[in-house]
Protein backbone atom coordinates (compact mmCIF):
# COMPACT_ATOMS: atom_id res chain seq x y z
CA MET A 1 0.00 0.00 0.00
CA VAL A 2 1.43 3.36 -1.04
CA PHE A 3 0.34 4.91 2.27
CA GLU A 4 2.92 2.81 4.08
CA GLU A 5 5.61 5.07 2.60
CA PHE A 6 4.06 7.90 4.60
CA LEU A 7 2.20 6.16 7.41
CA THR A 8 3.27 3.17 9.45
CA ARG A 9 0.93 0.19 9.68
CA GLU A 10 0.22 1.22 13.26
CA GLU A 11 -0.71 4.74 12.14
CA ILE A 12 -2.96 3.38 9.37
CA ASN A 13 -4.72 1.13 11.87
CA LYS A 14 -5.16 4.11 14.18
CA THR A 15 -6.72 6.15 11.35
CA VAL A 16 -9.06 3.29 10.48
CA LYS A 17 -10.07 2.93 14.12
CA TRP A 18 -10.82 6.65 14.38
CA LEU A 19 -12.86 6.64 11.16
CA LYS A 20 -14.84 3.62 12.41
CA SER A 21 -15.55 5.45 15.67
CA LEU A 22 -17.43 8.15 13.73
CA GLN A 23 -20.30 5.78 12.94
CA SER A 24 -23.39 6.61 14.98
CA THR A 25 -26.16 4.28 16.11
CA ASP A 26 -28.28 5.45 13.15
CA GLY A 27 -25.66 3.98 10.79
CA GLY A 28 -24.43 7.32 9.48
CA PHE A 29 -21.25 9.18 10.37
CA SER A 30 -20.47 12.54 11.96
CA ASP A 31 -17.24 14.28 12.91
CA ASN A 32 -18.02 13.82 16.58
CA LYS A 33 -20.63 12.14 18.74
CA GLU A 34 -22.25 15.46 19.63
CA GLN A 35 -23.27 16.07 16.02
CA LEU A 36 -26.00 14.38 14.02
CA SER A 37 -24.96 12.08 11.21
CA THR A 38 -24.89 13.54 7.72
CA LEU A 39 -24.76 11.96 4.31
CA SER A 40 -21.76 14.15 3.50
CA CYS A 41 -19.69 12.90 6.43
CA THR A 42 -20.79 9.34 5.74
CA TYR A 43 -19.62 9.63 2.13
CA TYR A 44 -16.28 11.22 3.06
CA THR A 45 -15.62 8.57 5.74
CA ILE A 46 -16.39 5.65 3.45
CA ARG A 47 -14.26 7.10 0.66
CA ALA A 48 -11.38 7.35 3.15
CA LEU A 49 -11.92 3.80 4.37
CA LEU A 50 -12.08 2.51 0.79
CA LYS A 51 -8.75 4.18 0.10
CA LEU A 52 -7.34 2.38 3.14
CA ASN A 53 -8.89 -0.94 2.04
CA ALA A 54 -10.88 -0.94 5.27
CA ALA A 55 -14.51 -0.39 4.23
CA ASN A 56 -15.23 -3.92 5.44
CA LYS A 57 -14.54 -2.73 8.99
CA VAL A 58 -17.88 -0.91 9.32
CA ASN A 59 -21.49 -2.07 9.45
CA LYS A 60 -22.56 -1.78 5.80
CA ASN A 61 -26.20 -2.69 6.41
CA LYS A 62 -26.55 0.19 8.86
CA ILE A 63 -24.92 2.55 6.36
CA VAL A 64 -27.36 1.50 3.65
CA SER A 65 -30.26 2.04 6.05
CA TYR A 66 -28.96 5.50 6.91
CA VAL A 67 -28.54 6.45 3.25
CA LEU A 68 -32.11 5.38 2.55
CA SER A 69 -33.32 7.43 5.52
CA THR A 70 -32.02 10.57 3.76
CA LYS A 71 -34.21 9.91 0.73
CA HIS A 72 -36.49 12.83 -0.13
CA SER A 73 -40.13 12.26 -0.99
CA ASP A 74 -39.43 13.32 -4.59
CA GLY A 75 -36.87 10.56 -5.06
CA GLY A 76 -33.82 12.73 -4.39
CA PHE A 77 -31.60 12.75 -1.31
CA CYS A 78 -30.88 15.15 1.56
CA ASP A 79 -27.81 15.63 3.74
CA SER A 80 -29.77 14.33 6.73
CA PRO A 81 -33.24 12.83 7.21
CA GLY A 82 -35.98 15.41 6.66
CA GLY A 83 -33.66 17.91 4.95
CA SER A 84 -33.83 19.55 1.54
CA PHE A 85 -33.11 17.84 -1.77
CA HIS A 86 -29.83 18.77 -3.43
CA PRO A 87 -28.21 17.07 -6.46
CA GLN A 88 -24.91 16.89 -4.57
CA TYR A 89 -26.40 14.45 -2.09
CA ALA A 90 -27.62 12.23 -4.90
CA VAL A 91 -23.95 11.83 -5.89
CA TYR A 92 -23.07 10.68 -2.37
CA ALA A 93 -26.10 8.43 -1.91
CA ILE A 94 -25.92 6.63 -5.24
CA PHE A 95 -22.17 6.10 -4.87
CA LEU A 96 -22.61 4.53 -1.42
CA LEU A 97 -25.52 2.34 -2.45
CA LYS A 98 -23.67 1.15 -5.53
CA GLU A 99 -20.47 0.51 -3.54
CA PHE A 100 -22.42 -1.68 -1.09
CA ASN A 101 -24.38 -3.45 -3.85
CA ALA A 102 -27.63 -1.94 -2.61
CA LEU A 103 -28.91 0.05 -5.58
CA ASP A 104 -31.84 -2.32 -5.80
CA SER A 105 -32.97 -0.95 -2.42
CA ILE A 106 -34.25 2.08 -4.35
CA ASN A 107 -37.50 1.04 -5.97
CA ASN A 108 -38.14 1.76 -9.65
CA LEU A 109 -40.44 4.68 -8.90
CA ASP A 110 -37.90 6.44 -6.65
CA SER A 111 -35.13 5.82 -9.16
CA LYS A 112 -37.28 7.18 -11.98
CA ASN A 113 -38.23 10.24 -9.89
CA LEU A 114 -34.59 10.94 -9.06
CA ILE A 115 -33.57 10.64 -12.71
CA ASN A 116 -36.42 12.91 -13.80
CA ASN A 117 -35.58 15.49 -11.11
CA LEU A 118 -32.00 15.60 -12.36
CA LEU A 119 -32.95 15.72 -16.03
CA ILE A 120 -35.24 18.73 -15.60
CA LEU A 121 -32.24 20.70 -14.34
CA GLN A 122 -30.64 20.65 -17.81
CA ARG A 123 -30.95 24.09 -19.36
CA GLU A 124 -31.27 25.18 -22.98
CA ASP A 125 -27.51 25.79 -23.22
CA GLY A 126 -26.83 22.14 -22.35
CA GLY A 127 -25.56 22.65 -18.81
CA PHE A 128 -27.38 21.90 -15.54
CA SER A 129 -28.44 24.22 -12.74
CA GLY A 130 -29.39 23.87 -9.08
CA SER A 131 -33.04 24.63 -9.81
CA VAL A 132 -35.21 25.25 -12.85
CA GLU A 133 -34.94 29.00 -12.26
CA ASP A 134 -31.13 29.16 -12.17
CA TYR A 135 -28.46 29.41 -14.84
CA SER A 136 -26.19 26.54 -15.82
CA ASN A 137 -22.89 26.04 -14.03
CA ILE A 138 -20.34 23.24 -14.08
CA ILE A 139 -20.70 22.36 -10.40
CA PHE A 140 -24.37 21.46 -10.73
CA THR A 141 -23.68 19.88 -14.11
CA TYR A 142 -21.24 17.54 -12.36
CA TYR A 143 -23.70 16.85 -9.53
CA ALA A 144 -26.34 15.87 -12.10
CA ILE A 145 -24.13 13.92 -14.49
CA ARG A 146 -22.44 11.80 -11.80
CA PRO A 147 -25.57 10.09 -10.36
CA LEU A 148 -27.07 9.76 -13.84
CA PHE A 149 -23.88 7.98 -14.86
CA LEU A 150 -24.01 5.67 -11.83
CA LEU A 151 -27.67 4.90 -12.59
CA ASN A 152 -26.89 4.17 -16.26
CA ALA A 153 -29.25 6.99 -17.27
CA LEU A 154 -26.95 9.35 -19.17
CA HIS A 155 -28.60 8.42 -22.47
CA ASN A 156 -31.59 10.52 -21.33
CA ILE A 157 -29.73 13.85 -21.38
CA ASN A 158 -29.52 16.26 -24.30
CA LYS A 159 -26.25 14.85 -25.67
CA SER A 160 -25.84 17.42 -28.43
CA LYS A 161 -26.20 20.48 -26.17
CA LEU A 162 -23.98 19.43 -23.25
CA PRO A 163 -20.67 19.63 -25.20
CA GLU A 164 -21.62 23.15 -26.30
CA PHE A 165 -21.92 24.24 -22.68
CA LEU A 166 -18.63 22.58 -21.74
CA LYS A 167 -16.88 24.44 -24.58
CA SER A 168 -18.43 27.73 -23.46
CA ILE A 169 -16.64 27.59 -20.09
CA LYS A 170 -13.21 26.83 -21.51
CA ILE A 171 -10.75 29.59 -20.58
CA THR A 172 -7.84 30.67 -22.79
CA ASN A 173 -5.29 29.80 -20.09
CA GLY A 174 -6.26 26.12 -20.40
CA GLY A 175 -8.54 25.89 -17.38
CA PHE A 176 -12.31 25.88 -17.07
CA SER A 177 -14.70 28.09 -15.15
CA ASN A 178 -17.97 27.46 -13.33
CA TYR A 179 -19.97 29.38 -15.96
CA PRO A 180 -19.33 31.31 -19.22
CA GLN A 181 -17.06 34.37 -18.79
CA GLY A 182 -16.01 33.15 -15.35
CA LYS A 183 -12.53 32.62 -13.94
CA SER A 184 -10.65 29.36 -14.34
CA SER A 185 -10.67 27.05 -11.32
CA ALA A 186 -8.95 23.77 -10.46
CA LEU A 187 -12.17 22.35 -9.00
CA GLU A 188 -14.23 23.15 -12.08
CA THR A 189 -11.47 21.82 -14.34
CA LYS A 190 -11.49 18.55 -12.40
CA HIS A 191 -15.28 18.36 -12.75
CA ILE A 192 -14.99 18.87 -16.52
CA LEU A 193 -12.48 16.06 -16.92
CA PHE A 194 -14.70 13.64 -15.00
CA ILE A 195 -17.76 14.66 -17.03
CA LEU A 196 -15.91 14.23 -20.33
CA ASP A 197 -14.81 10.76 -19.25
CA GLU A 198 -18.36 9.76 -18.38
CA ILE A 199 -20.23 11.24 -21.36
CA ALA A 200 -17.74 9.47 -23.64
CA LEU A 201 -19.42 6.24 -22.53
CA ILE A 202 -22.90 7.32 -23.65
CA ALA A 203 -24.12 4.87 -26.26
């Protein structure tokens, strides 16, 4: 493991133990026991444990139950039970459910509602926004594309318009911005590269 060049086995085990300790009785994770679990913290913790080859050290069934508890009535997901839908949380939820082979725990209606709620965020310029009233930006485009990719639903997007939007946020210095005429950003450039990799797989 490459981490062993930086961390000793004892230090890695200590990190794994600490990450495991963040799991609450509801199955989710929080940064400390005084805080409620969130889908965000659960996602970050599991990604860290996966990187350390230690995701098998936590109770996966409880995690799946927690993820499902954050499901919004419209088929989307919230950061915590009873919260507000946000495409970002769909990225976290679908990743976790897929990682733990539990995507079938979302029934067809919920899956269809989630897909539809993401698809309606695509604007005329090909990008996606946070709501039907907003303008396109690459952050929300990434948040929409990623779960659609994981759900094998990218074929439903407007495939001809999306590349036009991606080209419109290309900056002359080689980077990409969040929206047309914006400033280049490493985060947005990373999002672009992931999106390009995923839309290349659209049949």
